[in-house]
Amino acid sequence: MIVFLLGAAALGGGFVGARRLVRRRLRFVDAVQRPAAPLLAGLAATAVALPVAVLPLVTVGTAVAFGVGVAGGVASGRRRP
């Protein structure tokens, strides 16, 4: 149960953090507007979070959930053309 809650927190935290970063800091960056930007951000976030998966309560699923949250946040935070 705790592992599920950690995964949900990673998903939500990644989403909110990435959305806030894109809306406030990256709003004038052209690379964020490209269609592949959310996918690349999600893959990078997953790669960064994977070494944390060696901890007892953090699993690979938690790292993947964090990456999915970041990808969703980037996609949600950018402007619609």
PDB file of N, CA and C in Angstrom:
ATOM      1  N   MET A   1       0.817  -1.188   0.000  1.00  0.00           N
ATOM      2  CA  MET A   1       0.000   0.000   0.000  1.00  0.00           C
ATOM      3  C   MET A   1       0.865   1.256   0.000  1.00  0.00           C
ATOM      4  N   ILE A   2       1.947   1.236   0.763  1.00  0.00           N
ATOM      5  CA  ILE A   2       2.828   2.393   0.832  1.00  0.00           C
ATOM      6  C   ILE A   2       3.523   2.610  -0.510  1.00  0.00           C
ATOM      7  N   VAL A   3       3.866   1.533  -1.189  1.00  0.00           N
ATOM      8  CA  VAL A   3       4.516   1.638  -2.496  1.00  0.00           C
ATOM      9  C   VAL A   3       3.568   2.300  -3.497  1.00  0.00           C
ATOM     10  N   PHE A   4       2.299   1.949  -3.432  1.00  0.00           N
ATOM     11  CA  PHE A   4       1.306   2.567  -4.313  1.00  0.00           C
ATOM     12  C   PHE A   4       1.181   4.059  -4.028  1.00  0.00           C
ATOM     13  N   LEU A   5       1.166   4.430  -2.765  1.00  0.00           N
ATOM     14  CA  LEU A   5       1.075   5.847  -2.403  1.00  0.00           C
ATOM     15  C   LEU A   5       2.318   6.627  -2.834  1.00  0.00           C
ATOM     16  N   LEU A   6       3.495   6.002  -2.733  1.00  0.00           N
ATOM     17  CA  LEU A   6       4.709   6.661  -3.205  1.00  0.00           C
ATOM     18  C   LEU A   6       4.671   6.856  -4.723  1.00  0.00           C
ATOM     19  N   GLY A   7       4.149   5.876  -5.432  1.00  0.00           N
ATOM     20  CA  GLY A   7       4.009   6.009  -6.883  1.00  0.00           C
ATOM     21  C   GLY A   7       3.049   7.110  -7.263  1.00  0.00           C
ATOM     22  N   ALA A   8       1.938   7.197  -6.551  1.00  0.00           N
ATOM     23  CA  ALA A   8       0.962   8.253  -6.826  1.00  0.00           C
ATOM     24  C   ALA A   8       1.545   9.625  -6.498  1.00  0.00           C
ATOM     25  N   ALA A   9       2.313   9.727  -5.424  1.00  0.00           N
ATOM     26  CA  ALA A   9       2.944  10.995  -5.070  1.00  0.00           C
ATOM     27  C   ALA A   9       3.997  11.389  -6.098  1.00  0.00           C
ATOM     28  N   ALA A  10       4.746  10.418  -6.606  1.00  0.00           N
ATOM     29  CA  ALA A  10       5.743  10.707  -7.641  1.00  0.00           C
ATOM     30  C   ALA A  10       5.074  11.170  -8.923  1.00  0.00           C
ATOM     31  N   LEU A  11       3.970  10.537  -9.281  1.00  0.00           N
ATOM     32  CA  LEU A  11       3.226  10.928 -10.479  1.00  0.00           C
ATOM     33  C   LEU A  11       2.705  12.358 -10.334  1.00  0.00           C
ATOM     34  N   GLY A  12       2.054  12.646  -9.231  1.00  0.00           N
ATOM     35  CA  GLY A  12       1.496  13.980  -9.004  1.00  0.00           C
ATOM     36  C   GLY A  12       2.569  15.046  -8.861  1.00  0.00           C
ATOM     37  N   GLY A  13       3.625  14.732  -8.142  1.00  0.00           N
ATOM     38  CA  GLY A  13       4.705  15.694  -7.966  1.00  0.00           C
ATOM     39  C   GLY A  13       5.431  16.001  -9.262  1.00  0.00           C
ATOM     40  N   GLY A  14       5.651  14.983 -10.064  1.00  0.00           N
ATOM     41  CA  GLY A  14       6.280  15.199 -11.365  1.00  0.00           C
ATOM     42  C   GLY A  14       5.413  16.037 -12.272  1.00  0.00           C
ATOM     43  N   PHE A  15       4.120  15.778 -12.253  1.00  0.00           N
ATOM     44  CA  PHE A  15       3.188  16.540 -13.090  1.00  0.00           C
ATOM     45  C   PHE A  15       3.161  18.007 -12.688  1.00  0.00           C
ATOM     46  N   VAL A  16       2.950  18.261 -11.418  1.00  0.00           N
ATOM     47  CA  VAL A  16       2.825  19.646 -10.937  1.00  0.00           C
ATOM     48  C   VAL A  16       4.138  20.406 -11.116  1.00  0.00           C
ATOM     49  N   GLY A  17       5.250  19.771 -10.798  1.00  0.00           N
ATOM     50  CA  GLY A  17       6.540  20.439 -10.935  1.00  0.00           C
ATOM     51  C   GLY A  17       6.887  20.771 -12.375  1.00  0.00           C
ATOM     52  N   ALA A  18       6.672  19.827 -13.271  1.00  0.00           N
ATOM     53  CA  ALA A  18       6.987  20.062 -14.679  1.00  0.00           C
ATOM     54  C   ALA A  18       6.054  21.108 -15.283  1.00  0.00           C
ATOM     55  N   ARG A  19       4.788  21.054 -14.935  1.00  0.00           N
ATOM     56  CA  ARG A  19       3.843  22.032 -15.466  1.00  0.00           C
ATOM     57  C   ARG A  19       4.199  23.432 -15.005  1.00  0.00           C
ATOM     58  N   ARG A  20       4.545  23.575 -13.740  1.00  0.00           N
ATOM     59  CA  ARG A  20       4.926  24.887 -13.202  1.00  0.00           C
ATOM     60  C   ARG A  20       6.211  25.396 -13.860  1.00  0.00           C
ATOM     61  N   LEU A  21       7.184  24.511 -14.061  1.00  0.00           N
ATOM     62  CA  LEU A  21       8.437  24.909 -14.692  1.00  0.00           C
ATOM     63  C   LEU A  21       8.213  25.362 -16.127  1.00  0.00           C
ATOM     64  N   VAL A  22       7.414  24.627 -16.868  1.00  0.00           N
ATOM     65  CA  VAL A  22       7.168  24.981 -18.264  1.00  0.00           C
ATOM     66  C   VAL A  22       6.391  26.287 -18.360  1.00  0.00           C
ATOM     67  N   ARG A  23       5.413  26.474 -17.521  1.00  0.00           N
ATOM     68  CA  ARG A  23       4.602  27.701 -17.596  1.00  0.00           C
ATOM     69  C   ARG A  23       5.364  28.944 -17.155  1.00  0.00           C
ATOM     70  N   ARG A  24       6.225  28.819 -16.158  1.00  0.00           N
ATOM     71  CA  ARG A  24       6.902  29.997 -15.624  1.00  0.00           C
ATOM     72  C   ARG A  24       8.253  30.264 -16.281  1.00  0.00           C
ATOM     73  N   ARG A  25       9.060  29.244 -16.433  1.00  0.00           N
ATOM     74  CA  ARG A  25      10.439  29.458 -16.875  1.00  0.00           C
ATOM     75  C   ARG A  25      10.666  29.180 -18.356  1.00  0.00           C
ATOM     76  N   LEU A  26       9.940  28.260 -18.928  1.00  0.00           N
ATOM     77  CA  LEU A  26      10.208  27.834 -20.300  1.00  0.00           C
ATOM     78  C   LEU A  26       9.144  28.292 -21.290  1.00  0.00           C
ATOM     79  N   ARG A  27       8.393  29.297 -20.955  1.00  0.00           N
ATOM     80  CA  ARG A  27       7.296  29.700 -21.840  1.00  0.00           C
ATOM     81  C   ARG A  27       7.772  30.294 -23.158  1.00  0.00           C
ATOM     82  N   PHE A  28       8.983  30.848 -23.200  1.00  0.00           N
ATOM     83  CA  PHE A  28       9.488  31.445 -24.430  1.00  0.00           C
ATOM     84  C   PHE A  28      10.511  30.561 -25.131  1.00  0.00           C
ATOM     85  N   VAL A  29      10.701  29.349 -24.674  1.00  0.00           N
ATOM     86  CA  VAL A  29      11.663  28.438 -25.283  1.00  0.00           C
ATOM     87  C   VAL A  29      10.949  27.654 -26.379  1.00  0.00           C
ATOM     88  N   ASP A  30      11.486  27.731 -27.579  1.00  0.00           N
ATOM     89  CA  ASP A  30      10.844  27.085 -28.723  1.00  0.00           C
ATOM     90  C   ASP A  30      10.891  25.568 -28.648  1.00  0.00           C
ATOM     91  N   ALA A  31      11.906  25.017 -28.009  1.00  0.00           N
ATOM     92  CA  ALA A  31      12.043  23.558 -27.959  1.00  0.00           C
ATOM     93  C   ALA A  31      10.907  22.901 -27.173  1.00  0.00           C
ATOM     94  N   VAL A  32      10.313  23.604 -26.247  1.00  0.00           N
ATOM     95  CA  VAL A  32       9.211  23.042 -25.462  1.00  0.00           C
ATOM     96  C   VAL A  32       7.969  22.870 -26.320  1.00  0.00           C
ATOM     97  N   GLN A  33       7.855  23.656 -27.364  1.00  0.00           N
ATOM     98  CA  GLN A  33       6.668  23.603 -28.212  1.00  0.00           C
ATOM     99  C   GLN A  33       6.710  22.455 -29.223  1.00  0.00           C
ATOM    100  N   ARG A  34       7.828  21.785 -29.353  1.00  0.00           N
ATOM    101  CA  ARG A  34       7.934  20.671 -30.296  1.00  0.00           C
ATOM    102  C   ARG A  34       7.123  19.484 -29.801  1.00  0.00           C
ATOM    103  N   PRO A  35       6.607  18.669 -30.710  1.00  0.00           N
ATOM    104  CA  PRO A  35       5.776  17.525 -30.300  1.00  0.00           C
ATOM    105  C   PRO A  35       6.525  16.472 -29.479  1.00  0.00           C
ATOM    106  N   ALA A  36       7.820  16.353 -29.652  1.00  0.00           N
ATOM    107  CA  ALA A  36       8.584  15.329 -28.944  1.00  0.00           C
ATOM    108  C   ALA A  36       9.042  15.769 -27.554  1.00  0.00           C
ATOM    109  N   ALA A  37       8.822  17.008 -27.180  1.00  0.00           N
ATOM    110  CA  ALA A  37       9.314  17.531 -25.901  1.00  0.00           C
ATOM    111  C   ALA A  37       8.771  16.770 -24.696  1.00  0.00           C
ATOM    112  N   PRO A  38       7.476  16.468 -24.611  1.00  0.00           N
ATOM    113  CA  PRO A  38       7.010  15.719 -23.441  1.00  0.00           C
ATOM    114  C   PRO A  38       7.609  14.311 -23.349  1.00  0.00           C
ATOM    115  N   LEU A  39       7.754  13.658 -24.484  1.00  0.00           N
ATOM    116  CA  LEU A  39       8.337  12.318 -24.484  1.00  0.00           C
ATOM    117  C   LEU A  39       9.790  12.348 -24.018  1.00  0.00           C
ATOM    118  N   LEU A  40      10.556  13.289 -24.528  1.00  0.00           N
ATOM    119  CA  LEU A  40      11.955  13.392 -24.127  1.00  0.00           C
ATOM    120  C   LEU A  40      12.093  13.766 -22.653  1.00  0.00           C
ATOM    121  N   ALA A  41      11.247  14.662 -22.176  1.00  0.00           N
ATOM    122  CA  ALA A  41      11.299  15.042 -20.762  1.00  0.00           C
ATOM    123  C   ALA A  41      10.921  13.871 -19.863  1.00  0.00           C
ATOM    124  N   GLY A  42       9.916  13.095 -20.280  1.00  0.00           N
ATOM    125  CA  GLY A  42       9.511  11.930 -19.497  1.00  0.00           C
ATOM    126  C   GLY A  42      10.585  10.857 -19.458  1.00  0.00           C
ATOM    127  N   LEU A  43      11.230  10.611 -20.583  1.00  0.00           N
ATOM    128  CA  LEU A  43      12.313   9.627 -20.622  1.00  0.00           C
ATOM    129  C   LEU A  43      13.502  10.073 -19.772  1.00  0.00           C
ATOM    130  N   ALA A  44      13.835  11.359 -19.840  1.00  0.00           N
ATOM    131  CA  ALA A  44      14.937  11.877 -19.031  1.00  0.00           C
ATOM    132  C   ALA A  44      14.620  11.798 -17.541  1.00  0.00           C
ATOM    133  N   ALA A  45      13.392  12.117 -17.165  1.00  0.00           N
ATOM    134  CA  ALA A  45      12.999  12.046 -15.756  1.00  0.00           C
ATOM    135  C   ALA A  45      13.020  10.608 -15.251  1.00  0.00           C
ATOM    136  N   THR A  46      12.588   9.679 -16.090  1.00  0.00           N
ATOM    137  CA  THR A  46      12.632   8.271 -15.701  1.00  0.00           C
ATOM    138  C   THR A  46      14.071   7.808 -15.528  1.00  0.00           C
ATOM    139  N   ALA A  47      14.948   8.218 -16.436  1.00  0.00           N
ATOM    140  CA  ALA A  47      16.355   7.832 -16.343  1.00  0.00           C
ATOM    141  C   ALA A  47      17.016   8.402 -15.091  1.00  0.00           C
ATOM    142  N   VAL A  48      16.628   9.610 -14.710  1.00  0.00           N
ATOM    143  CA  VAL A  48      17.179  10.218 -13.498  1.00  0.00           C
ATOM    144  C   VAL A  48      16.638   9.525 -12.250  1.00  0.00           C
ATOM    145  N   ALA A  49      15.391   9.090 -12.289  1.00  0.00           N
ATOM    146  CA  ALA A  49      14.769   8.481 -11.112  1.00  0.00           C
ATOM    147  C   ALA A  49      15.090   6.995 -10.961  1.00  0.00           C
ATOM    148  N   LEU A  50      15.575   6.343 -11.992  1.00  0.00           N
ATOM    149  CA  LEU A  50      15.850   4.905 -11.905  1.00  0.00           C
ATOM    150  C   LEU A  50      16.900   4.526 -10.856  1.00  0.00           C
ATOM    151  N   PRO A  51      17.979   5.284 -10.674  1.00  0.00           N
ATOM    152  CA  PRO A  51      18.924   4.899  -9.616  1.00  0.00           C
ATOM    153  C   PRO A  51      18.320   4.924  -8.209  1.00  0.00           C
ATOM    154  N   VAL A  52      17.275   5.693  -8.015  1.00  0.00           N
ATOM    155  CA  VAL A  52      16.620   5.744  -6.702  1.00  0.00           C
ATOM    156  C   VAL A  52      15.838   4.453  -6.454  1.00  0.00           C
ATOM    157  N   ALA A  53      15.601   3.676  -7.499  1.00  0.00           N
ATOM    158  CA  ALA A  53      14.810   2.457  -7.373  1.00  0.00           C
ATOM    159  C   ALA A  53      15.515   1.358  -6.588  1.00  0.00           C
ATOM    160  N   VAL A  54      16.756   1.573  -6.190  1.00  0.00           N
ATOM    161  CA  VAL A  54      17.438   0.581  -5.367  1.00  0.00           C
ATOM    162  C   VAL A  54      16.996   0.664  -3.909  1.00  0.00           C
ATOM    163  N   LEU A  55      16.310   1.727  -3.541  1.00  0.00           N
ATOM    164  CA  LEU A  55      15.787   1.854  -2.181  1.00  0.00           C
ATOM    165  C   LEU A  55      14.662   0.848  -1.961  1.00  0.00           C
ATOM    166  N   PRO A  56      14.440   0.429  -0.739  1.00  0.00           N
ATOM    167  CA  PRO A  56      13.459  -0.639  -0.487  1.00  0.00           C
ATOM    168  C   PRO A  56      12.019  -0.304  -0.880  1.00  0.00           C
ATOM    169  N   LEU A  57      11.557   0.895  -0.638  1.00  0.00           N
ATOM    170  CA  LEU A  57      10.161   1.221  -0.917  1.00  0.00           C
ATOM    171  C   LEU A  57       9.939   1.794  -2.306  1.00  0.00           C
ATOM    172  N   VAL A  58      10.997   2.243  -2.950  1.00  0.00           N
ATOM    173  CA  VAL A  58      10.883   2.835  -4.282  1.00  0.00           C
ATOM    174  C   VAL A  58      11.157   1.747  -5.311  1.00  0.00           C
ATOM    175  N   THR A  59      10.248   1.587  -6.247  1.00  0.00           N
ATOM    176  CA  THR A  59      10.399   0.552  -7.265  1.00  0.00           C
ATOM    177  C   THR A  59      10.600   1.186  -8.632  1.00  0.00           C
ATOM    178  N   VAL A  60      10.811   0.339  -9.618  1.00  0.00           N
ATOM    179  CA  VAL A  60      10.934   0.816 -10.989  1.00  0.00           C
ATOM    180  C   VAL A  60       9.610   1.440 -11.436  1.00  0.00           C
ATOM    181  N   GLY A  61       8.508   0.902 -10.959  1.00  0.00           N
ATOM    182  CA  GLY A  61       7.197   1.471 -11.280  1.00  0.00           C
ATOM    183  C   GLY A  61       7.052   2.896 -10.776  1.00  0.00           C
ATOM    184  N   THR A  62       7.639   3.203  -9.646  1.00  0.00           N
ATOM    185  CA  THR A  62       7.605   4.564  -9.114  1.00  0.00           C
ATOM    186  C   THR A  62       8.400   5.504 -10.015  1.00  0.00           C
ATOM    187  N   ALA A  63       9.554   5.047 -10.491  1.00  0.00           N
ATOM    188  CA  ALA A  63      10.360   5.855 -11.400  1.00  0.00           C
ATOM    189  C   ALA A  63       9.624   6.090 -12.716  1.00  0.00           C
ATOM    190  N   VAL A  64       8.944   5.066 -13.211  1.00  0.00           N
ATOM    191  CA  VAL A  64       8.180   5.213 -14.446  1.00  0.00           C
ATOM    192  C   VAL A  64       6.997   6.147 -14.225  1.00  0.00           C
ATOM    193  N   ALA A  65       6.348   6.053 -13.079  1.00  0.00           N
ATOM    194  CA  ALA A  65       5.237   6.950 -12.767  1.00  0.00           C
ATOM    195  C   ALA A  65       5.715   8.401 -12.707  1.00  0.00           C
ATOM    196  N   PHE A  66       6.899   8.612 -12.168  1.00  0.00           N
ATOM    197  CA  PHE A  66       7.463   9.962 -12.139  1.00  0.00           C
ATOM    198  C   PHE A  66       7.702  10.474 -13.555  1.00  0.00           C
ATOM    199  N   GLY A  67       8.232   9.635 -14.421  1.00  0.00           N
ATOM    200  CA  GLY A  67       8.461  10.023 -15.810  1.00  0.00           C
ATOM    201  C   GLY A  67       7.168  10.331 -16.544  1.00  0.00           C
ATOM    202  N   VAL A  68       6.144   9.532 -16.295  1.00  0.00           N
ATOM    203  CA  VAL A  68       4.836   9.782 -16.922  1.00  0.00           C
ATOM    204  C   VAL A  68       4.255  11.096 -16.411  1.00  0.00           C
ATOM    205  N   GLY A  69       4.425  11.375 -15.133  1.00  0.00           N
ATOM    206  CA  GLY A  69       3.935  12.633 -14.577  1.00  0.00           C
ATOM    207  C   GLY A  69       4.650  13.832 -15.175  1.00  0.00           C
ATOM    208  N   VAL A  70       5.952  13.725 -15.352  1.00  0.00           N
ATOM    209  CA  VAL A  70       6.717  14.831 -15.954  1.00  0.00           C
ATOM    210  C   VAL A  70       6.286  15.036 -17.400  1.00  0.00           C
ATOM    211  N   ALA A  71       6.115  13.952 -18.138  1.00  0.00           N
ATOM    212  CA  ALA A  71       5.679  14.071 -19.534  1.00  0.00           C
ATOM    213  C   ALA A  71       4.298  14.726 -19.619  1.00  0.00           C
ATOM    214  N   GLY A  72       3.403  14.332 -18.752  1.00  0.00           N
ATOM    215  CA  GLY A  72       2.079  14.940 -18.736  1.00  0.00           C
ATOM    216  C   GLY A  72       2.118  16.400 -18.338  1.00  0.00           C
ATOM    217  N   GLY A  73       2.988  16.746 -17.404  1.00  0.00           N
ATOM    218  CA  GLY A  73       3.118  18.133 -16.983  1.00  0.00           C
ATOM    219  C   GLY A  73       3.685  19.023 -18.075  1.00  0.00           C
ATOM    220  N   VAL A  74       4.658  18.507 -18.806  1.00  0.00           N
ATOM    221  CA  VAL A  74       5.224  19.282 -19.912  1.00  0.00           C
ATOM    222  C   VAL A  74       4.169  19.476 -20.997  1.00  0.00           C
ATOM    223  N   ALA A  75       3.442  18.415 -21.310  1.00  0.00           N
ATOM    224  CA  ALA A  75       2.407  18.522 -22.334  1.00  0.00           C
ATOM    225  C   ALA A  75       1.296  19.475 -21.904  1.00  0.00           C
ATOM    226  N   SER A  76       0.976  19.480 -20.635  1.00  0.00           N
ATOM    227  CA  SER A  76      -0.093  20.333 -20.137  1.00  0.00           C
ATOM    228  C   SER A  76       0.356  21.788 -19.985  1.00  0.00           C
ATOM    229  N   GLY A  77       1.629  22.018 -19.704  1.00  0.00           N
ATOM    230  CA  GLY A  77       2.098  23.351 -19.432  1.00  0.00           C
ATOM    231  C   GLY A  77       2.391  24.196 -20.646  1.00  0.00           C
ATOM    232  N   ARG A  78       2.638  23.573 -21.762  1.00  0.00           N
ATOM    233  CA  ARG A  78       2.957  24.370 -22.949  1.00  0.00           C
ATOM    234  C   ARG A  78       1.701  24.943 -23.583  1.00  0.00           C
ATOM    235  N   ARG A  79       1.894  26.028 -24.298  1.00  0.00           N
ATOM    236  CA  ARG A  79       0.754  26.693 -24.930  1.00  0.00           C
ATOM    237  C   ARG A  79       0.295  25.924 -26.152  1.00  0.00           C
ATOM    238  N   ARG A  80      -0.945  26.096 -26.449  1.00  0.00           N
ATOM    239  CA  ARG A  80      -1.489  25.508 -27.673  1.00  0.00           C
ATOM    240  C   ARG A  80      -1.214  26.454 -28.828  1.00  0.00           C
ATOM    241  N   PRO A  81      -0.691  25.968 -29.954  1.00  0.00           N
ATOM    242  CA  PRO A  81      -0.402  26.861 -31.080  1.00  0.00           C
ATOM    243  C   PRO A  81      -1.663  27.355 -31.755  1.00  0.00           C
TER     244      PRO A  81
END
